[in-house]
Amino acid sequence: MDRFKNLSGIVYCLSKNECVEVSNFLNSKCKIKTVYYHAGLAAKQRVAVQKKWHTEEVHVVCATIAFGMGYDRPDVVSPH
């Protein structure tokens, strides 16, 4: 985990439930500042998540695949 310390990223999940579960796991077990993002959130909640991520209040967003469209963060880690 130290390899990615102080970097940002997106964990893509296949379902809304998985987004919540992975985010909760990373927060509680790994102590990584994480939020979840999916279409089931109200528009106001989605905007709040995006703001927290862009302002680096959180380091990781656990999201369904629609989230990554058009983000512009040079510090986001890619597994490739």
C-alpha atoms as a PDB file:
ATOM      1  CA  MET A   1       0.000   0.000   0.000  1.00  0.00           C
ATOM      2  CA  ASP A   2       2.887   2.408   0.566  1.00  0.00           C
ATOM      3  CA  ARG A   3       3.537   2.320  -3.167  1.00  0.00           C
ATOM      4  CA  PHE A   4       0.445   4.489  -3.739  1.00  0.00           C
ATOM      5  CA  LYS A   5       0.631   6.617  -0.578  1.00  0.00           C
ATOM      6  CA  ASN A   6      -0.619  10.191  -1.128  1.00  0.00           C
ATOM      7  CA  LEU A   7      -1.784   9.416  -4.678  1.00  0.00           C
ATOM      8  CA  SER A   8      -5.314   9.468  -6.034  1.00  0.00           C
ATOM      9  CA  GLY A   9      -7.198   6.791  -7.875  1.00  0.00           C
ATOM     10  CA  ILE A  10     -10.456   5.292  -8.979  1.00  0.00           C
ATOM     11  CA  VAL A  11     -11.527   1.766  -8.120  1.00  0.00           C
ATOM     12  CA  TYR A  12     -14.030   0.624 -10.719  1.00  0.00           C
ATOM     13  CA  CYS A  13     -16.780  -1.652  -9.466  1.00  0.00           C
ATOM     14  CA  LEU A  14     -19.393  -3.637 -11.349  1.00  0.00           C
ATOM     15  CA  SER A  15     -22.375  -2.694  -9.184  1.00  0.00           C
ATOM     16  CA  LYS A  16     -23.635   0.031  -6.891  1.00  0.00           C
ATOM     17  CA  ASN A  17     -23.500  -2.340  -3.925  1.00  0.00           C
ATOM     18  CA  GLU A  18     -19.910  -3.258  -4.692  1.00  0.00           C
ATOM     19  CA  CYS A  19     -18.984   0.450  -4.745  1.00  0.00           C
ATOM     20  CA  VAL A  20     -20.336   0.869  -1.223  1.00  0.00           C
ATOM     21  CA  GLU A  21     -18.741  -2.337   0.076  1.00  0.00           C
ATOM     22  CA  VAL A  22     -15.293  -1.625  -1.367  1.00  0.00           C
ATOM     23  CA  SER A  23     -15.371   1.984  -0.157  1.00  0.00           C
ATOM     24  CA  ASN A  24     -16.349   0.897   3.357  1.00  0.00           C
ATOM     25  CA  PHE A  25     -13.605  -1.742   3.380  1.00  0.00           C
ATOM     26  CA  LEU A  26     -10.901   0.688   2.243  1.00  0.00           C
ATOM     27  CA  ASN A  27     -12.013   3.265   4.823  1.00  0.00           C
ATOM     28  CA  SER A  28     -12.276   0.919   7.773  1.00  0.00           C
ATOM     29  CA  LYS A  29      -9.616  -1.732   7.171  1.00  0.00           C
ATOM     30  CA  CYS A  30      -7.023   0.122   5.091  1.00  0.00           C
ATOM     31  CA  LYS A  31      -7.531   3.657   6.456  1.00  0.00           C
ATOM     32  CA  ILE A  32      -7.695   5.114   2.942  1.00  0.00           C
ATOM     33  CA  LYS A  33      -9.904   8.186   2.517  1.00  0.00           C
ATOM     34  CA  THR A  34     -12.501   6.833   0.123  1.00  0.00           C
ATOM     35  CA  VAL A  35     -15.990   7.670  -1.104  1.00  0.00           C
ATOM     36  CA  TYR A  36     -18.354   5.846  -3.433  1.00  0.00           C
ATOM     37  CA  TYR A  37     -20.073   7.121  -6.544  1.00  0.00           C
ATOM     38  CA  HIS A  38     -22.860   5.593  -8.605  1.00  0.00           C
ATOM     39  CA  ALA A  39     -26.059   6.466 -10.439  1.00  0.00           C
ATOM     40  CA  GLY A  40     -28.167   5.693  -7.377  1.00  0.00           C
ATOM     41  CA  LEU A  41     -26.924   8.819  -5.623  1.00  0.00           C
ATOM     42  CA  ALA A  42     -28.883  12.046  -5.814  1.00  0.00           C
ATOM     43  CA  ALA A  43     -27.361  14.697  -8.084  1.00  0.00           C
ATOM     44  CA  LYS A  44     -26.341  16.770  -5.055  1.00  0.00           C
ATOM     45  CA  GLN A  45     -24.513  13.783  -3.560  1.00  0.00           C
ATOM     46  CA  ARG A  46     -22.688  13.068  -6.814  1.00  0.00           C
ATOM     47  CA  VAL A  47     -21.511  16.679  -7.022  1.00  0.00           C
ATOM     48  CA  ALA A  48     -20.314  16.498  -3.404  1.00  0.00           C
ATOM     49  CA  VAL A  49     -18.307  13.334  -4.124  1.00  0.00           C
ATOM     50  CA  GLN A  50     -16.709  14.896  -7.193  1.00  0.00           C
ATOM     51  CA  LYS A  51     -15.802  18.018  -5.219  1.00  0.00           C
ATOM     52  CA  LYS A  52     -14.230  15.981  -2.386  1.00  0.00           C
ATOM     53  CA  TRP A  53     -12.147  14.073  -4.903  1.00  0.00           C
ATOM     54  CA  HIS A  54     -11.066  17.114  -6.936  1.00  0.00           C
ATOM     55  CA  THR A  55     -10.083  19.028  -3.791  1.00  0.00           C
ATOM     56  CA  GLU A  56      -8.204  15.953  -2.501  1.00  0.00           C
ATOM     57  CA  GLU A  57     -10.357  15.636   0.621  1.00  0.00           C
ATOM     58  CA  VAL A  58     -10.538  11.960  -0.357  1.00  0.00           C
ATOM     59  CA  HIS A  59      -7.932   9.977  -2.278  1.00  0.00           C
ATOM     60  CA  VAL A  60      -9.999   7.226  -3.865  1.00  0.00           C
ATOM     61  CA  VAL A  61     -13.433   7.016  -5.449  1.00  0.00           C
ATOM     62  CA  CYS A  62     -15.067   3.601  -5.707  1.00  0.00           C
ATOM     63  CA  ALA A  63     -17.322   4.016  -8.688  1.00  0.00           C
ATOM     64  CA  THR A  64     -19.244   2.287 -11.392  1.00  0.00           C
ATOM     65  CA  ILE A  65     -17.621   2.687 -14.793  1.00  0.00           C
ATOM     66  CA  ALA A  66     -19.537   5.860 -15.726  1.00  0.00           C
ATOM     67  CA  PHE A  67     -17.552   7.986 -13.228  1.00  0.00           C
ATOM     68  CA  GLY A  68     -14.253   8.063 -15.091  1.00  0.00           C
ATOM     69  CA  MET A  69     -15.614   9.755 -18.171  1.00  0.00           C
ATOM     70  CA  GLY A  70     -13.833  13.069 -18.544  1.00  0.00           C
ATOM     71  CA  TYR A  71     -11.912  13.397 -15.273  1.00  0.00           C
ATOM     72  CA  ASP A  72      -8.828  15.564 -15.481  1.00  0.00           C
ATOM     73  CA  ARG A  73      -6.410  14.741 -12.675  1.00  0.00           C
ATOM     74  CA  PRO A  74      -2.721  14.319 -13.505  1.00  0.00           C
ATOM     75  CA  ASP A  75      -2.073  12.534 -10.204  1.00  0.00           C
ATOM     76  CA  VAL A  76      -4.526   9.685 -10.755  1.00  0.00           C
ATOM     77  CA  VAL A  77      -2.822   6.317 -10.671  1.00  0.00           C
ATOM     78  CA  SER A  78      -3.311   3.908 -13.540  1.00  0.00           C
ATOM     79  CA  PRO A  79      -2.589   0.222 -13.063  1.00  0.00           C
ATOM     80  CA  HIS A  80      -1.034   0.054 -16.550  1.00  0.00           C
END
